[in-house]
C-alpha atoms as a PDB file:
ATOM      1  CA  MET A   1       0.000   0.000   0.000  1.00  0.00           C
ATOM      2  CA  VAL A   2       1.353   3.394  -1.000  1.00  0.00           C
ATOM      3  CA  ALA A   3       0.795   6.134   1.574  1.00  0.00           C
ATOM      4  CA  ILE A   4      -0.784   9.226   0.020  1.00  0.00           C
ATOM      5  CA  ILE A   5       0.586  12.246   1.887  1.00  0.00           C
ATOM      6  CA  ALA A   6      -1.277  15.517   1.333  1.00  0.00           C
ATOM      7  CA  HIS A   7       1.320  18.259   0.861  1.00  0.00           C
ATOM      8  CA  ARG A   8       0.249  21.226   3.033  1.00  0.00           C
ATOM      9  CA  GLY A   9      -3.168  19.605   3.070  1.00  0.00           C
ATOM     10  CA  ALA A  10      -5.163  19.237  -0.139  1.00  0.00           C
ATOM     11  CA  ARG A  11      -3.628  22.461  -1.421  1.00  0.00           C
ATOM     12  CA  SER A  12      -4.955  22.024  -4.956  1.00  0.00           C
ATOM     13  CA  LEU A  13      -8.491  22.057  -3.534  1.00  0.00           C
ATOM     14  CA  ALA A  14      -8.211  24.469  -0.595  1.00  0.00           C
ATOM     15  CA  PRO A  15      -5.869  27.165   0.751  1.00  0.00           C
ATOM     16  CA  GLU A  16      -2.649  25.479   1.848  1.00  0.00           C
ATOM     17  CA  ASN A  17      -1.682  24.907   5.484  1.00  0.00           C
ATOM     18  CA  THR A  18      -5.173  25.614   6.784  1.00  0.00           C
ATOM     19  CA  LEU A  19      -7.515  23.397   8.722  1.00  0.00           C
ATOM     20  CA  VAL A  20      -9.945  23.345   5.802  1.00  0.00           C
ATOM     21  CA  ALA A  21      -7.161  22.027   3.539  1.00  0.00           C
ATOM     22  CA  ALA A  22      -6.458  19.314   6.099  1.00  0.00           C
ATOM     23  CA  ARG A  23     -10.129  18.364   6.350  1.00  0.00           C
ATOM     24  CA  LYS A  24     -10.397  18.291   2.570  1.00  0.00           C
ATOM     25  CA  ALA A  25      -7.358  15.991   2.331  1.00  0.00           C
ATOM     26  CA  HIS A  26      -8.916  13.659   4.875  1.00  0.00           C
ATOM     27  CA  ALA A  27     -12.225  13.702   3.000  1.00  0.00           C
ATOM     28  CA  VAL A  28     -10.595  12.632  -0.275  1.00  0.00           C
ATOM     29  CA  GLY A  29      -8.803   9.736   1.404  1.00  0.00           C
ATOM     30  CA  ALA A  30      -5.243  10.897   2.070  1.00  0.00           C
ATOM     31  CA  ASP A  31      -3.390   8.667   4.526  1.00  0.00           C
ATOM     32  CA  LEU A  32      -1.540  11.575   6.134  1.00  0.00           C
ATOM     33  CA  TRP A  33      -1.294  15.325   5.820  1.00  0.00           C
ATOM     34  CA  GLU A  34       1.923  17.302   5.804  1.00  0.00           C
ATOM     35  CA  THR A  35       2.385  20.828   7.080  1.00  0.00           C
ATOM     36  CA  ASP A  36       5.041  23.334   8.145  1.00  0.00           C
ATOM     37  CA  VAL A  37       5.647  24.765  11.601  1.00  0.00           C
ATOM     38  CA  ALA A  38       6.407  28.466  12.000  1.00  0.00           C
ATOM     39  CA  VAL A  39       7.241  30.577  15.072  1.00  0.00           C
ATOM     40  CA  SER A  40       5.591  33.946  15.674  1.00  0.00           C
ATOM     41  CA  ALA A  41       7.232  37.008  17.221  1.00  0.00           C
ATOM     42  CA  ASP A  42       5.756  36.023  20.595  1.00  0.00           C
ATOM     43  CA  ASP A  43       6.984  32.420  20.373  1.00  0.00           C
ATOM     44  CA  ARG A  44       3.719  30.815  19.345  1.00  0.00           C
ATOM     45  CA  LEU A  45       3.621  27.909  16.901  1.00  0.00           C
ATOM     46  CA  VAL A  46       1.524  28.284  13.745  1.00  0.00           C
ATOM     47  CA  LEU A  47       1.341  26.751  10.264  1.00  0.00           C
ATOM     48  CA  MET A  48       3.039  28.695   7.477  1.00  0.00           C
ATOM     49  CA  HIS A  49       5.322  27.765   4.608  1.00  0.00           C
ATOM     50  CA  ASP A  50       6.745  30.966   3.114  1.00  0.00           C
ATOM     51  CA  ASP A  51       8.792  33.309   5.299  1.00  0.00           C
ATOM     52  CA  SER A  52       6.751  36.166   3.835  1.00  0.00           C
ATOM     53  CA  MET A  53       3.002  35.720   4.217  1.00  0.00           C
ATOM     54  CA  VAL A  54       2.173  37.743   1.089  1.00  0.00           C
ATOM     55  CA  ARG A  55       1.319  34.800  -1.167  1.00  0.00           C
ATOM     56  CA  THR A  56      -1.151  33.053   1.136  1.00  0.00           C
ATOM     57  CA  THR A  57      -2.711  35.849   3.229  1.00  0.00           C
ATOM     58  CA  ASP A  58      -3.903  39.453   2.924  1.00  0.00           C
ATOM     59  CA  VAL A  59      -0.941  40.716   4.960  1.00  0.00           C
ATOM     60  CA  ALA A  60      -0.034  43.229   2.224  1.00  0.00           C
ATOM     61  CA  ASP A  61      -3.448  44.863   2.668  1.00  0.00           C
ATOM     62  CA  ARG A  62      -3.532  44.632   6.450  1.00  0.00           C
ATOM     63  CA  PHE A  63       0.056  45.625   7.173  1.00  0.00           C
ATOM     64  CA  PRO A  64       1.336  47.338   3.991  1.00  0.00           C
ATOM     65  CA  ASP A  65       4.200  49.118   5.744  1.00  0.00           C
ATOM     66  CA  ARG A  66       5.656  45.857   7.039  1.00  0.00           C
ATOM     67  CA  VAL A  67       5.722  43.539   4.035  1.00  0.00           C
ATOM     68  CA  PRO A  68       7.638  41.493   3.078  1.00  0.00           C
ATOM     69  CA  ALA A  69       8.796  41.072   6.679  1.00  0.00           C
ATOM     70  CA  PRO A  70       8.690  37.404   7.731  1.00  0.00           C
ATOM     71  CA  PHE A  71       6.042  35.804   9.917  1.00  0.00           C
ATOM     72  CA  SER A  72       8.588  35.753  12.743  1.00  0.00           C
ATOM     73  CA  THR A  73       8.115  39.517  13.159  1.00  0.00           C
ATOM     74  CA  TYR A  74       4.329  39.269  13.642  1.00  0.00           C
ATOM     75  CA  THR A  75       2.590  38.320  16.877  1.00  0.00           C
ATOM     76  CA  LEU A  76       0.109  35.477  16.998  1.00  0.00           C
ATOM     77  CA  ALA A  77      -2.753  37.978  17.295  1.00  0.00           C
ATOM     78  CA  GLU A  78      -1.547  39.772  14.159  1.00  0.00           C
ATOM     79  CA  ILE A  79      -1.175  36.528  12.231  1.00  0.00           C
ATOM     80  CA  ARG A  80      -4.605  35.347  13.337  1.00  0.00           C
ATOM     81  CA  SER A  81      -6.128  38.625  12.149  1.00  0.00           C
ATOM     82  CA  LEU A  82      -5.190  37.772   8.554  1.00  0.00           C
ATOM     83  CA  ASP A  83      -7.401  36.216   5.896  1.00  0.00           C
ATOM     84  CA  ALA A  84      -5.603  33.049   4.780  1.00  0.00           C
ATOM     85  CA  GLY A  85      -8.325  31.785   2.467  1.00  0.00           C
ATOM     86  CA  SER A  86      -9.629  34.394   0.034  1.00  0.00           C
ATOM     87  CA  TRP A  87      -6.498  34.337  -2.128  1.00  0.00           C
ATOM     88  CA  PHE A  88      -7.217  30.774  -3.221  1.00  0.00           C
ATOM     89  CA  GLU A  89     -10.095  31.640  -5.543  1.00  0.00           C
ATOM     90  CA  ARG A  90      -8.210  34.630  -6.945  1.00  0.00           C
ATOM     91  CA  ASP A  91      -5.041  32.667  -7.757  1.00  0.00           C
ATOM     92  CA  ASP A  92      -6.465  29.170  -8.457  1.00  0.00           C
ATOM     93  CA  PRO A  93      -2.912  27.902  -7.865  1.00  0.00           C
ATOM     94  CA  PHE A  94      -3.367  24.484  -9.474  1.00  0.00           C
ATOM     95  CA  GLY A  95      -6.136  25.234 -11.946  1.00  0.00           C
ATOM     96  CA  GLU A  96      -8.616  23.021 -10.113  1.00  0.00           C
ATOM     97  CA  ILE A  97     -11.226  25.778  -9.857  1.00  0.00           C
ATOM     98  CA  ALA A  98     -11.118  26.377 -13.613  1.00  0.00           C
ATOM     99  CA  ALA A  99     -11.302  22.611 -14.174  1.00  0.00           C
ATOM    100  CA  GLY A 100     -14.444  22.359 -12.062  1.00  0.00           C
ATOM    101  CA  GLY A 101     -12.754  20.440  -9.271  1.00  0.00           C
ATOM    102  CA  VAL A 102     -13.756  22.842  -6.475  1.00  0.00           C
ATOM    103  CA  GLU A 103     -17.352  23.468  -5.439  1.00  0.00           C
ATOM    104  CA  ARG A 104     -18.572  27.070  -5.363  1.00  0.00           C
ATOM    105  CA  SER A 105     -19.821  26.516  -1.817  1.00  0.00           C
ATOM    106  CA  ASP A 106     -16.314  25.481  -0.788  1.00  0.00           C
ATOM    107  CA  LEU A 107     -14.820  28.641  -2.276  1.00  0.00           C
ATOM    108  CA  SER A 108     -17.203  30.871  -0.359  1.00  0.00           C
ATOM    109  CA  SER A 109     -16.360  29.038   2.868  1.00  0.00           C
ATOM    110  CA  TYR A 110     -12.649  29.747   2.409  1.00  0.00           C
ATOM    111  CA  ILE A 111     -13.153  33.494   2.818  1.00  0.00           C
ATOM    112  CA  GLY A 112     -11.720  34.584   6.153  1.00  0.00           C
ATOM    113  CA  GLU A 113     -10.020  31.249   6.889  1.00  0.00           C
ATOM    114  CA  LYS A 114      -7.431  31.737   9.632  1.00  0.00           C
ATOM    115  CA  VAL A 115      -3.797  30.683   9.863  1.00  0.00           C
ATOM    116  CA  PRO A 116      -4.021  27.711  12.241  1.00  0.00           C
ATOM    117  CA  THR A 117      -2.022  27.250  15.379  1.00  0.00           C
ATOM    118  CA  LEU A 118      -0.049  24.035  15.680  1.00  0.00           C
ATOM    119  CA  ARG A 119      -2.255  23.150  18.648  1.00  0.00           C
ATOM    120  CA  GLU A 120      -5.287  23.286  16.359  1.00  0.00           C
ATOM    121  CA  ALA A 121      -3.486  21.090  13.821  1.00  0.00           C
ATOM    122  CA  PHE A 122      -2.692  18.522  16.505  1.00  0.00           C
ATOM    123  CA  GLU A 123      -6.258  18.601  17.845  1.00  0.00           C
ATOM    124  CA  LEU A 124      -7.779  18.192  14.382  1.00  0.00           C
ATOM    125  CA  THR A 125      -5.492  15.246  13.633  1.00  0.00           C
ATOM    126  CA  LEU A 126      -6.598  13.557  16.842  1.00  0.00           C
ATOM    127  CA  GLU A 127     -10.255  14.388  16.179  1.00  0.00           C
ATOM    128  CA  LEU A 128     -10.035  12.672  12.796  1.00  0.00           C
ATOM    129  CA  ASP A 129      -7.918   9.787  14.184  1.00  0.00           C
ATOM    130  CA  TRP A 130      -5.504  10.614  11.374  1.00  0.00           C
ATOM    131  CA  CYS A 131      -1.757  11.199  11.022  1.00  0.00           C
ATOM    132  CA  LEU A 132       0.312  14.371  10.586  1.00  0.00           C
ATOM    133  CA  ASN A 133       3.762  14.669   9.011  1.00  0.00           C
ATOM    134  CA  LEU A 134       5.111  17.843  10.630  1.00  0.00           C
ATOM    135  CA  GLU A 135       8.029  19.473   8.834  1.00  0.00           C
ATOM    136  CA  LEU A 136      10.444  21.179  11.210  1.00  0.00           C
ATOM    137  CA  LYS A 137      11.668  24.160   9.211  1.00  0.00           C
ATOM    138  CA  ALA A 138      14.564  26.527   9.782  1.00  0.00           C
ATOM    139  CA  GLN A 139      13.089  29.795  11.027  1.00  0.00           C
ATOM    140  CA  PRO A 140      13.810  33.278   9.682  1.00  0.00           C
ATOM    141  CA  LYS A 141      15.308  35.938  11.912  1.00  0.00           C
ATOM    142  CA  PRO A 142      14.754  36.899  14.654  1.00  0.00           C
ATOM    143  CA  LYS A 143      13.632  33.327  15.495  1.00  0.00           C
ATOM    144  CA  ASP A 144      16.539  31.543  13.797  1.00  0.00           C
ATOM    145  CA  ALA A 145      17.901  30.339  17.169  1.00  0.00           C
ATOM    146  CA  PHE A 146      14.519  29.337  18.591  1.00  0.00           C
ATOM    147  CA  ASP A 147      14.299  25.804  20.027  1.00  0.00           C
ATOM    148  CA  VAL A 148      11.755  24.496  17.535  1.00  0.00           C
ATOM    149  CA  VAL A 149      12.244  20.856  18.548  1.00  0.00           C
ATOM    150  CA  GLY A 150      11.754  21.552  22.233  1.00  0.00           C
ATOM    151  CA  ALA A 151       8.684  23.723  21.708  1.00  0.00           C
ATOM    152  CA  VAL A 152       6.998  21.254  19.348  1.00  0.00           C
ATOM    153  CA  LEU A 153       7.638  18.261  21.582  1.00  0.00           C
ATOM    154  CA  ALA A 154       6.373  20.171  24.623  1.00  0.00           C
ATOM    155  CA  LEU A 155       3.161  21.033  22.793  1.00  0.00           C
ATOM    156  CA  ALA A 156       2.745  17.466  21.549  1.00  0.00           C
ATOM    157  CA  HIS A 157       3.035  16.248  25.143  1.00  0.00           C
ATOM    158  CA  GLU A 158       0.570  18.885  26.357  1.00  0.00           C
ATOM    159  CA  VAL A 159      -2.009  18.035  23.698  1.00  0.00           C
ATOM    160  CA  GLY A 160      -1.445  14.302  24.083  1.00  0.00           C
ATOM    161  CA  ILE A 161      -0.581  13.496  20.484  1.00  0.00           C
ATOM    162  CA  GLY A 162       1.830  10.593  20.079  1.00  0.00           C
ATOM    163  CA  PRO A 163       3.567   8.489  17.427  1.00  0.00           C
ATOM    164  CA  ASP A 164       0.316   6.899  16.249  1.00  0.00           C
ATOM    165  CA  HIS A 165      -0.807  10.309  14.989  1.00  0.00           C
ATOM    166  CA  LEU A 166       2.380  12.346  14.480  1.00  0.00           C
ATOM    167  CA  LEU A 167       5.754  11.986  12.778  1.00  0.00           C
ATOM    168  CA  PHE A 168       8.479  14.485  11.933  1.00  0.00           C
ATOM    169  CA  SER A 169      10.376  15.401   8.791  1.00  0.00           C
ATOM    170  CA  SER A 170      13.082  17.984   8.238  1.00  0.00           C
ATOM    171  CA  ALA A 171      15.991  19.029   6.071  1.00  0.00           C
ATOM    172  CA  ARG A 172      17.730  19.884   9.353  1.00  0.00           C
ATOM    173  CA  HIS A 173      18.774  16.319  10.085  1.00  0.00           C
ATOM    174  CA  GLU A 174      20.324  17.251  13.398  1.00  0.00           C
ATOM    175  CA  TRP A 175      16.868  18.346  14.559  1.00  0.00           C
ATOM    176  CA  LEU A 176      15.445  14.931  13.728  1.00  0.00           C
ATOM    177  CA  LYS A 177      18.213  13.314  15.753  1.00  0.00           C
ATOM    178  CA  ALA A 178      17.333  15.641  18.622  1.00  0.00           C
ATOM    179  CA  VAL A 179      13.713  14.496  18.380  1.00  0.00           C
ATOM    180  CA  LYS A 180      14.795  10.854  18.625  1.00  0.00           C
ATOM    181  CA  GLN A 181      17.055  11.615  21.590  1.00  0.00           C
ATOM    182  CA  ARG A 182      14.154  13.128  23.499  1.00  0.00           C
ATOM    183  CA  ARG A 183      11.379  10.914  22.153  1.00  0.00           C
ATOM    184  CA  PRO A 184      12.710   7.687  20.602  1.00  0.00           C
ATOM    185  CA  ASP A 185       9.160   6.528  19.913  1.00  0.00           C
ATOM    186  CA  PHE A 186       8.531   9.161  17.234  1.00  0.00           C
ATOM    187  CA  GLU A 187       9.238   8.366  13.581  1.00  0.00           C
ATOM    188  CA  VAL A 188      11.508  10.798  11.739  1.00  0.00           C
ATOM    189  CA  GLN A 189      12.031  11.250   8.000  1.00  0.00           C
ATOM    190  CA  ALA A 190      15.031  13.013   6.455  1.00  0.00           C
ATOM    191  CA  ILE A 191      14.218  15.490   3.683  1.00  0.00           C
ATOM    192  CA  LEU A 192      16.757  15.539   0.840  1.00  0.00           C
ATOM    193  CA  GLY A 193      17.267  18.112  -1.915  1.00  0.00           C
ATOM    194  CA  LEU A 194      15.298  20.931  -0.305  1.00  0.00           C
ATOM    195  CA  PHE A 195      17.700  23.490  -1.769  1.00  0.00           C
ATOM    196  CA  PRO A 196      19.607  23.156  -5.067  1.00  0.00           C
ATOM    197  CA  ASP A 197      22.984  22.712  -3.362  1.00  0.00           C
ATOM    198  CA  ASP A 198      21.744  20.104  -0.872  1.00  0.00           C
ATOM    199  CA  PRO A 199      23.227  16.683  -1.604  1.00  0.00           C
ATOM    200  CA  ILE A 200      21.039  13.672  -2.319  1.00  0.00           C
ATOM    201  CA  ASP A 201      22.748  11.467   0.226  1.00  0.00           C
ATOM    202  CA  PHE A 202      21.079   8.316   1.523  1.00  0.00           C
ATOM    203  CA  SER A 203      24.141   7.135   3.431  1.00  0.00           C
ATOM    204  CA  ASP A 204      23.338   8.219   7.004  1.00  0.00           C
ATOM    205  CA  PRO A 205      22.442   4.947   8.773  1.00  0.00           C
ATOM    206  CA  PHE A 206      20.500   6.872  11.425  1.00  0.00           C
ATOM    207  CA  PHE A 207      17.591   7.187   9.001  1.00  0.00           C
ATOM    208  CA  ASP A 208      15.592   4.426   7.350  1.00  0.00           C
ATOM    209  CA  THR A 209      13.139   6.851   5.724  1.00  0.00           C
ATOM    210  CA  PHE A 210      14.067   9.620   3.306  1.00  0.00           C
ATOM    211  CA  ASN A 211      11.905  12.154   1.511  1.00  0.00           C
ATOM    212  CA  PRO A 212      13.860  13.193  -1.636  1.00  0.00           C
ATOM    213  CA  ARG A 213      12.877  15.951  -4.036  1.00  0.00           C
ATOM    214  CA  ILE A 214      11.501  14.085  -7.037  1.00  0.00           C
ATOM    215  CA  THR A 215      13.303  16.354  -9.539  1.00  0.00           C
ATOM    216  CA  ARG A 216      16.669  15.447  -7.985  1.00  0.00           C
ATOM    217  CA  VAL A 217      16.460  11.656  -8.224  1.00  0.00           C
ATOM    218  CA  SER A 218      15.891   9.209 -11.051  1.00  0.00           C
ATOM    219  CA  ILE A 219      13.471   6.305 -11.043  1.00  0.00           C
ATOM    220  CA  GLU A 220      16.533   4.039 -11.223  1.00  0.00           C
ATOM    221  CA  GLN A 221      18.032   5.579  -8.067  1.00  0.00           C
ATOM    222  CA  ILE A 222      14.723   5.167  -6.286  1.00  0.00           C
ATOM    223  CA  GLU A 223      14.495   1.519  -7.333  1.00  0.00           C
ATOM    224  CA  GLU A 224      18.031   0.888  -6.060  1.00  0.00           C
ATOM    225  CA  ARG A 225      17.255   2.379  -2.659  1.00  0.00           C
ATOM    226  CA  LEU A 226      13.951   0.533  -2.343  1.00  0.00           C
ATOM    227  CA  ALA A 227      15.766  -2.737  -3.108  1.00  0.00           C
ATOM    228  CA  LEU A 228      18.084  -2.003  -0.177  1.00  0.00           C
ATOM    229  CA  GLY A 229      15.108  -1.632   2.146  1.00  0.00           C
ATOM    230  CA  THR A 230      15.111   2.156   2.320  1.00  0.00           C
ATOM    231  CA  ARG A 231      11.713   3.757   2.786  1.00  0.00           C
ATOM    232  CA  LEU A 232      11.157   6.642   0.359  1.00  0.00           C
ATOM    233  CA  ASN A 233       8.453   9.311   0.179  1.00  0.00           C
ATOM    234  CA  PRO A 234       9.431  11.580  -2.735  1.00  0.00           C
ATOM    235  CA  TYR A 235       8.070  15.127  -3.013  1.00  0.00           C
ATOM    236  CA  THR A 236       6.258  16.808  -4.638  1.00  0.00           C
ATOM    237  CA  VAL A 237       4.783  14.247  -7.035  1.00  0.00           C
ATOM    238  CA  ASN A 238       1.856  15.586  -9.071  1.00  0.00           C
ATOM    239  CA  ASP A 239       2.316  14.132 -12.543  1.00  0.00           C
ATOM    240  CA  PRO A 240      -0.043  11.140 -13.045  1.00  0.00           C
ATOM    241  CA  GLU A 241       2.482   9.223 -15.149  1.00  0.00           C
ATOM    242  CA  THR A 242       5.196   9.641 -12.512  1.00  0.00           C
ATOM    243  CA  ILE A 243       2.773   8.646  -9.781  1.00  0.00           C
ATOM    244  CA  SER A 244       1.845   5.492 -11.689  1.00  0.00           C
ATOM    245  CA  ARG A 245       5.505   4.584 -12.277  1.00  0.00           C
ATOM    246  CA  LEU A 246       6.417   5.070  -8.625  1.00  0.00           C
ATOM    247  CA  VAL A 247       3.469   2.994  -7.474  1.00  0.00           C
ATOM    248  CA  ASP A 248       4.533   0.224  -9.865  1.00  0.00           C
ATOM    249  CA  ILE A 249       8.029   0.047  -8.370  1.00  0.00           C
ATOM    250  CA  GLY A 250       6.732  -0.133  -4.806  1.00  0.00           C
ATOM    251  CA  ILE A 251       7.298   3.387  -3.491  1.00  0.00           C
ATOM    252  CA  THR A 252       6.642   3.801   0.232  1.00  0.00           C
ATOM    253  CA  GLY A 253       4.610   6.980  -0.068  1.00  0.00           C
ATOM    254  CA  LEU A 254       3.908   9.974  -2.274  1.00  0.00           C
ATOM    255  CA  ILE A 255       3.896  13.564  -1.066  1.00  0.00           C
ATOM    256  CA  THR A 256       1.480  15.256  -3.460  1.00  0.00           C
ATOM    257  CA  ASP A 257      -0.589  18.391  -3.981  1.00  0.00           C
ATOM    258  CA  PHE A 258      -3.331  16.182  -5.469  1.00  0.00           C
ATOM    259  CA  PRO A 259      -4.327  13.657  -2.788  1.00  0.00           C
ATOM    260  CA  GLN A 260      -7.718  13.401  -4.491  1.00  0.00           C
ATOM    261  CA  ARG A 261      -6.082  11.403  -7.258  1.00  0.00           C
ATOM    262  CA  GLY A 262      -5.101   8.731  -4.769  1.00  0.00           C
ATOM    263  CA  SER A 263      -3.477   6.598  -7.454  1.00  0.00           C
ATOM    264  CA  GLY A 264      -2.252   3.284  -6.145  1.00  0.00           C
ATOM    265  CA  SER A 265      -3.383   3.817  -2.591  1.00  0.00           C
END
């Protein structure tokens, strides 16, 4: 069985890294959802991918004198005051609205969607008895030295979410090792190829699961690693032909913007 992992939720059907995108991914049958943790100016954990919030919120309208300052310079209250949903209909980032893949009623419900807190993401995952792949991302200044691992694990303990419902991925492999030192029961997955200069290196024996950028590896390389028992969840795989080929060779999982396709799951 190939695990279908919804990249930032079902972001082709709903505004990415929101609770509605997570619910949509669950509704279309994704096995997990993936999201990104971000730290606000007042040390609160939220979901956000880009350092600048311009693409996925109305921050440029609400705080025009401060853009493109990163999320790390905004308080939780300021971030929560933003509209993180209305942009989706305007931009139709994956063409699914134009293709008729998004209901009009869904689009109207996205207006005013909030940037979720990580607590809300944990609680939703538990409510749905689902699983979350949380990417631990390097934070922009002034939060670049913030103890992301410690804060996330403390919140996970407080909420009561464990390894049956949560795993961690990161391109900061030392952070994943820190997770395992503190909580050996949690699964960790090493992201490879996040930036162009990052090596595609499967050699670290600490990890048995790697998430490589699909444009940086060949099908032949993937087959070789799978034959050695390595678990692989390439990202971001949206092309139906590539999905079909990876399913055929026994890929562990697929991180995709189109969990509704669910091919091979």
